[in-house]
């Protein structure tokens, strides 16, 4: 069972544009990171946000269409599941109804003080998955 989708607005800056006149592919990684971390900060309880951080483990990006400077773009991210200290996200970058890119990513929750992996317990997961289990993948 996946959590509810979270929408993150994206502002395309002139510095995002590459020599071909569209957003550089590397910029999508920053957008995914911004969307996932915003999701965490806006849904998780304040004590969890203060005591934990996230590191990316893996990103798998499928580019569909280019984005341009004046485009109105969003990232819609969904937390698909958690397991131990790991979280698995699916993010779609959209221009209106057009899919520009799809990203599967996995993240590791860490203790902000020790920088060691920190299990995502049910007490935190229930904020993201209010009506069911978040484990399994």
C-alpha atoms as a PDB file:
ATOM      1  CA  UNK A   1       0.000   0.000   0.000  1.00  0.00           C
ATOM      2  CA  UNK A   2       1.420   3.366  -1.041  1.00  0.00           C
ATOM      3  CA  UNK A   3       1.023   6.635   0.818  1.00  0.00           C
ATOM      4  CA  UNK A   4      -0.963   9.517  -0.651  1.00  0.00           C
ATOM      5  CA  UNK A   5       0.812  11.393  -3.474  1.00  0.00           C
ATOM      6  CA  UNK A   6       2.667  14.552  -2.468  1.00  0.00           C
ATOM      7  CA  UNK A   7       2.965  17.413  -4.949  1.00  0.00           C
ATOM      8  CA  UNK A   8       6.069  19.588  -4.995  1.00  0.00           C
ATOM      9  CA  UNK A   9       6.231  22.691  -7.223  1.00  0.00           C
ATOM     10  CA  UNK A  10       9.389  23.118  -9.279  1.00  0.00           C
ATOM     11  CA  UNK A  11      10.870  26.410 -10.387  1.00  0.00           C
ATOM     12  CA  UNK A  12      13.086  26.137 -13.436  1.00  0.00           C
ATOM     13  CA  UNK A  13      16.006  28.556 -13.255  1.00  0.00           C
ATOM     14  CA  UNK A  14      18.152  29.835 -16.130  1.00  0.00           C
ATOM     15  CA  UNK A  15      21.082  27.907 -14.611  1.00  0.00           C
ATOM     16  CA  UNK A  16      19.094  24.652 -15.068  1.00  0.00           C
ATOM     17  CA  UNK A  17      19.206  25.028 -18.860  1.00  0.00           C
ATOM     18  CA  UNK A  18      21.957  23.218 -20.741  1.00  0.00           C
ATOM     19  CA  UNK A  19      23.629  23.855 -24.101  1.00  0.00           C
ATOM     20  CA  UNK A  20      20.690  22.222 -25.921  1.00  0.00           C
ATOM     21  CA  UNK A  21      18.203  24.748 -24.531  1.00  0.00           C
ATOM     22  CA  UNK A  22      16.371  22.460 -22.084  1.00  0.00           C
ATOM     23  CA  UNK A  23      16.775  21.414 -18.465  1.00  0.00           C
ATOM     24  CA  UNK A  24      19.959  19.447 -17.901  1.00  0.00           C
ATOM     25  CA  UNK A  25      19.269  15.827 -16.972  1.00  0.00           C
ATOM     26  CA  UNK A  26      21.303  16.111 -13.766  1.00  0.00           C
ATOM     27  CA  UNK A  27      18.863  18.751 -12.451  1.00  0.00           C
ATOM     28  CA  UNK A  28      16.144  16.102 -12.110  1.00  0.00           C
ATOM     29  CA  UNK A  29      18.131  14.488  -9.298  1.00  0.00           C
ATOM     30  CA  UNK A  30      17.980  17.730  -7.345  1.00  0.00           C
ATOM     31  CA  UNK A  31      14.239  17.979  -7.944  1.00  0.00           C
ATOM     32  CA  UNK A  32      13.655  14.444  -6.679  1.00  0.00           C
ATOM     33  CA  UNK A  33      15.721  15.127  -3.590  1.00  0.00           C
ATOM     34  CA  UNK A  34      13.864  18.385  -2.942  1.00  0.00           C
ATOM     35  CA  UNK A  35      10.474  16.679  -3.378  1.00  0.00           C
ATOM     36  CA  UNK A  36      11.268  13.712  -1.120  1.00  0.00           C
ATOM     37  CA  UNK A  37      12.774  15.870   1.633  1.00  0.00           C
ATOM     38  CA  UNK A  38       9.846  18.304   1.463  1.00  0.00           C
ATOM     39  CA  UNK A  39       7.468  15.351   1.774  1.00  0.00           C
ATOM     40  CA  UNK A  40       9.335  14.186   4.896  1.00  0.00           C
ATOM     41  CA  UNK A  41       9.424  17.649   6.498  1.00  0.00           C
ATOM     42  CA  UNK A  42       5.724  18.299   5.827  1.00  0.00           C
ATOM     43  CA  UNK A  43       4.317  14.924   6.926  1.00  0.00           C
ATOM     44  CA  UNK A  44       6.624  13.524   9.629  1.00  0.00           C
ATOM     45  CA  UNK A  45       6.255  14.593  13.269  1.00  0.00           C
ATOM     46  CA  UNK A  46       8.522  17.484  14.303  1.00  0.00           C
ATOM     47  CA  UNK A  47      10.682  15.364  16.635  1.00  0.00           C
ATOM     48  CA  UNK A  48      11.406  12.875  13.819  1.00  0.00           C
ATOM     49  CA  UNK A  49      12.262  15.704  11.400  1.00  0.00           C
ATOM     50  CA  UNK A  50      14.662  17.176  13.985  1.00  0.00           C
ATOM     51  CA  UNK A  51      16.377  13.887  14.859  1.00  0.00           C
ATOM     52  CA  UNK A  52      16.649  12.165  11.494  1.00  0.00           C
ATOM     53  CA  UNK A  53      18.041  12.856   8.050  1.00  0.00           C
ATOM     54  CA  UNK A  54      18.002  11.090   4.688  1.00  0.00           C
ATOM     55  CA  UNK A  55      20.636   9.909   2.254  1.00  0.00           C
ATOM     56  CA  UNK A  56      19.904   8.651  -1.232  1.00  0.00           C
ATOM     57  CA  UNK A  57      20.853   5.064  -1.953  1.00  0.00           C
ATOM     58  CA  UNK A  58      19.683   4.711  -5.543  1.00  0.00           C
ATOM     59  CA  UNK A  59      17.930   6.663  -8.298  1.00  0.00           C
ATOM     60  CA  UNK A  60      16.648   5.102 -11.491  1.00  0.00           C
ATOM     61  CA  UNK A  61      15.480   7.798 -13.925  1.00  0.00           C
ATOM     62  CA  UNK A  62      13.570   7.364 -17.138  1.00  0.00           C
ATOM     63  CA  UNK A  63      13.535  10.592 -19.151  1.00  0.00           C
ATOM     64  CA  UNK A  64      10.450  10.984 -21.366  1.00  0.00           C
ATOM     65  CA  UNK A  65      10.376  14.609 -22.622  1.00  0.00           C
ATOM     66  CA  UNK A  66      12.529  17.711 -22.120  1.00  0.00           C
ATOM     67  CA  UNK A  67      11.604  20.590 -19.819  1.00  0.00           C
ATOM     68  CA  UNK A  68      12.208  24.212 -20.771  1.00  0.00           C
ATOM     69  CA  UNK A  69      12.754  27.480 -18.884  1.00  0.00           C
ATOM     70  CA  UNK A  70       9.172  28.777 -19.018  1.00  0.00           C
ATOM     71  CA  UNK A  71       7.508  25.422 -18.229  1.00  0.00           C
ATOM     72  CA  UNK A  72       5.155  24.989 -15.281  1.00  0.00           C
ATOM     73  CA  UNK A  73       6.491  21.780 -13.720  1.00  0.00           C
ATOM     74  CA  UNK A  74       5.701  19.754 -10.600  1.00  0.00           C
ATOM     75  CA  UNK A  75       7.066  16.618  -9.005  1.00  0.00           C
ATOM     76  CA  UNK A  76       4.453  14.195  -7.719  1.00  0.00           C
ATOM     77  CA  UNK A  77       6.105  11.804  -5.306  1.00  0.00           C
ATOM     78  CA  UNK A  78       4.674   8.757  -3.600  1.00  0.00           C
ATOM     79  CA  UNK A  79       6.216   6.881  -0.702  1.00  0.00           C
ATOM     80  CA  UNK A  80       5.574   3.311  -1.801  1.00  0.00           C
ATOM     81  CA  UNK A  81       6.907   1.468   1.244  1.00  0.00           C
ATOM     82  CA  UNK A  82       9.421   1.385   4.050  1.00  0.00           C
ATOM     83  CA  UNK A  83      11.569  -1.456   5.331  1.00  0.00           C
ATOM     84  CA  UNK A  84      13.864  -1.066   8.300  1.00  0.00           C
ATOM     85  CA  UNK A  85      15.739   2.195   7.704  1.00  0.00           C
ATOM     86  CA  UNK A  86      14.876   2.302   3.992  1.00  0.00           C
ATOM     87  CA  UNK A  87      12.145   4.178   2.143  1.00  0.00           C
ATOM     88  CA  UNK A  88      11.123   3.556  -1.463  1.00  0.00           C
ATOM     89  CA  UNK A  89       9.722   6.420  -3.535  1.00  0.00           C
ATOM     90  CA  UNK A  90       8.226   6.777  -7.002  1.00  0.00           C
ATOM     91  CA  UNK A  91       8.367  10.320  -8.370  1.00  0.00           C
ATOM     92  CA  UNK A  92       6.915  11.640 -11.609  1.00  0.00           C
ATOM     93  CA  UNK A  93       7.953  15.024 -13.003  1.00  0.00           C
ATOM     94  CA  UNK A  94       5.011  16.536 -14.871  1.00  0.00           C
ATOM     95  CA  UNK A  95       4.266  19.466 -17.143  1.00  0.00           C
ATOM     96  CA  UNK A  96       0.486  19.525 -16.948  1.00  0.00           C
ATOM     97  CA  UNK A  97      -0.505  15.964 -17.814  1.00  0.00           C
ATOM     98  CA  UNK A  98       2.729  15.286 -19.721  1.00  0.00           C
ATOM     99  CA  UNK A  99       5.197  12.973 -18.011  1.00  0.00           C
ATOM    100  CA  UNK A 100       8.688  14.424 -18.355  1.00  0.00           C
ATOM    101  CA  UNK A 101      10.486  11.864 -16.202  1.00  0.00           C
ATOM    102  CA  UNK A 102       9.833   8.971 -13.848  1.00  0.00           C
ATOM    103  CA  UNK A 103      12.152   8.194 -10.978  1.00  0.00           C
ATOM    104  CA  UNK A 104      12.305   5.167  -8.676  1.00  0.00           C
ATOM    105  CA  UNK A 105      14.480   5.937  -5.682  1.00  0.00           C
ATOM    106  CA  UNK A 106      15.499   4.379  -2.415  1.00  0.00           C
ATOM    107  CA  UNK A 107      16.616   6.290   0.638  1.00  0.00           C
ATOM    108  CA  UNK A 108      18.176   5.492   3.993  1.00  0.00           C
ATOM    109  CA  UNK A 109      16.933   7.181   7.141  1.00  0.00           C
ATOM    110  CA  UNK A 110      19.817   8.119   9.427  1.00  0.00           C
ATOM    111  CA  UNK A 111      20.132   9.444  12.941  1.00  0.00           C
ATOM    112  CA  UNK A 112      21.058  13.121  12.553  1.00  0.00           C
ATOM    113  CA  UNK A 113      23.551  12.951  15.427  1.00  0.00           C
ATOM    114  CA  UNK A 114      25.316   9.608  14.894  1.00  0.00           C
ATOM    115  CA  UNK A 115      24.811   9.475  11.102  1.00  0.00           C
ATOM    116  CA  UNK A 116      24.008   5.765  11.445  1.00  0.00           C
ATOM    117  CA  UNK A 117      20.948   4.120   9.892  1.00  0.00           C
ATOM    118  CA  UNK A 118      17.779   4.703  11.931  1.00  0.00           C
ATOM    119  CA  UNK A 119      14.852   2.333  11.650  1.00  0.00           C
ATOM    120  CA  UNK A 120      11.607   3.901  10.452  1.00  0.00           C
ATOM    121  CA  UNK A 121       9.285   2.666  13.151  1.00  0.00           C
ATOM    122  CA  UNK A 122       5.514   2.310  12.907  1.00  0.00           C
ATOM    123  CA  UNK A 123       5.133   5.397  15.124  1.00  0.00           C
ATOM    124  CA  UNK A 124       6.600   7.499  12.291  1.00  0.00           C
ATOM    125  CA  UNK A 125       5.347   5.423   9.357  1.00  0.00           C
ATOM    126  CA  UNK A 126       1.722   5.852  10.418  1.00  0.00           C
ATOM    127  CA  UNK A 127       1.957   9.575   9.554  1.00  0.00           C
ATOM    128  CA  UNK A 128       2.613   8.529   5.946  1.00  0.00           C
ATOM    129  CA  UNK A 129       0.433   5.408   5.864  1.00  0.00           C
ATOM    130  CA  UNK A 130      -2.511   6.284   8.127  1.00  0.00           C
ATOM    131  CA  UNK A 131      -4.727   3.392   7.044  1.00  0.00           C
ATOM    132  CA  UNK A 132      -2.415   0.443   6.816  1.00  0.00           C
ATOM    133  CA  UNK A 133       0.982  -1.151   6.869  1.00  0.00           C
ATOM    134  CA  UNK A 134       3.996   0.510   5.290  1.00  0.00           C
ATOM    135  CA  UNK A 135       6.341  -2.434   5.330  1.00  0.00           C
ATOM    136  CA  UNK A 136       7.282  -4.784   2.604  1.00  0.00           C
ATOM    137  CA  UNK A 137       8.628  -4.273  -0.839  1.00  0.00           C
END
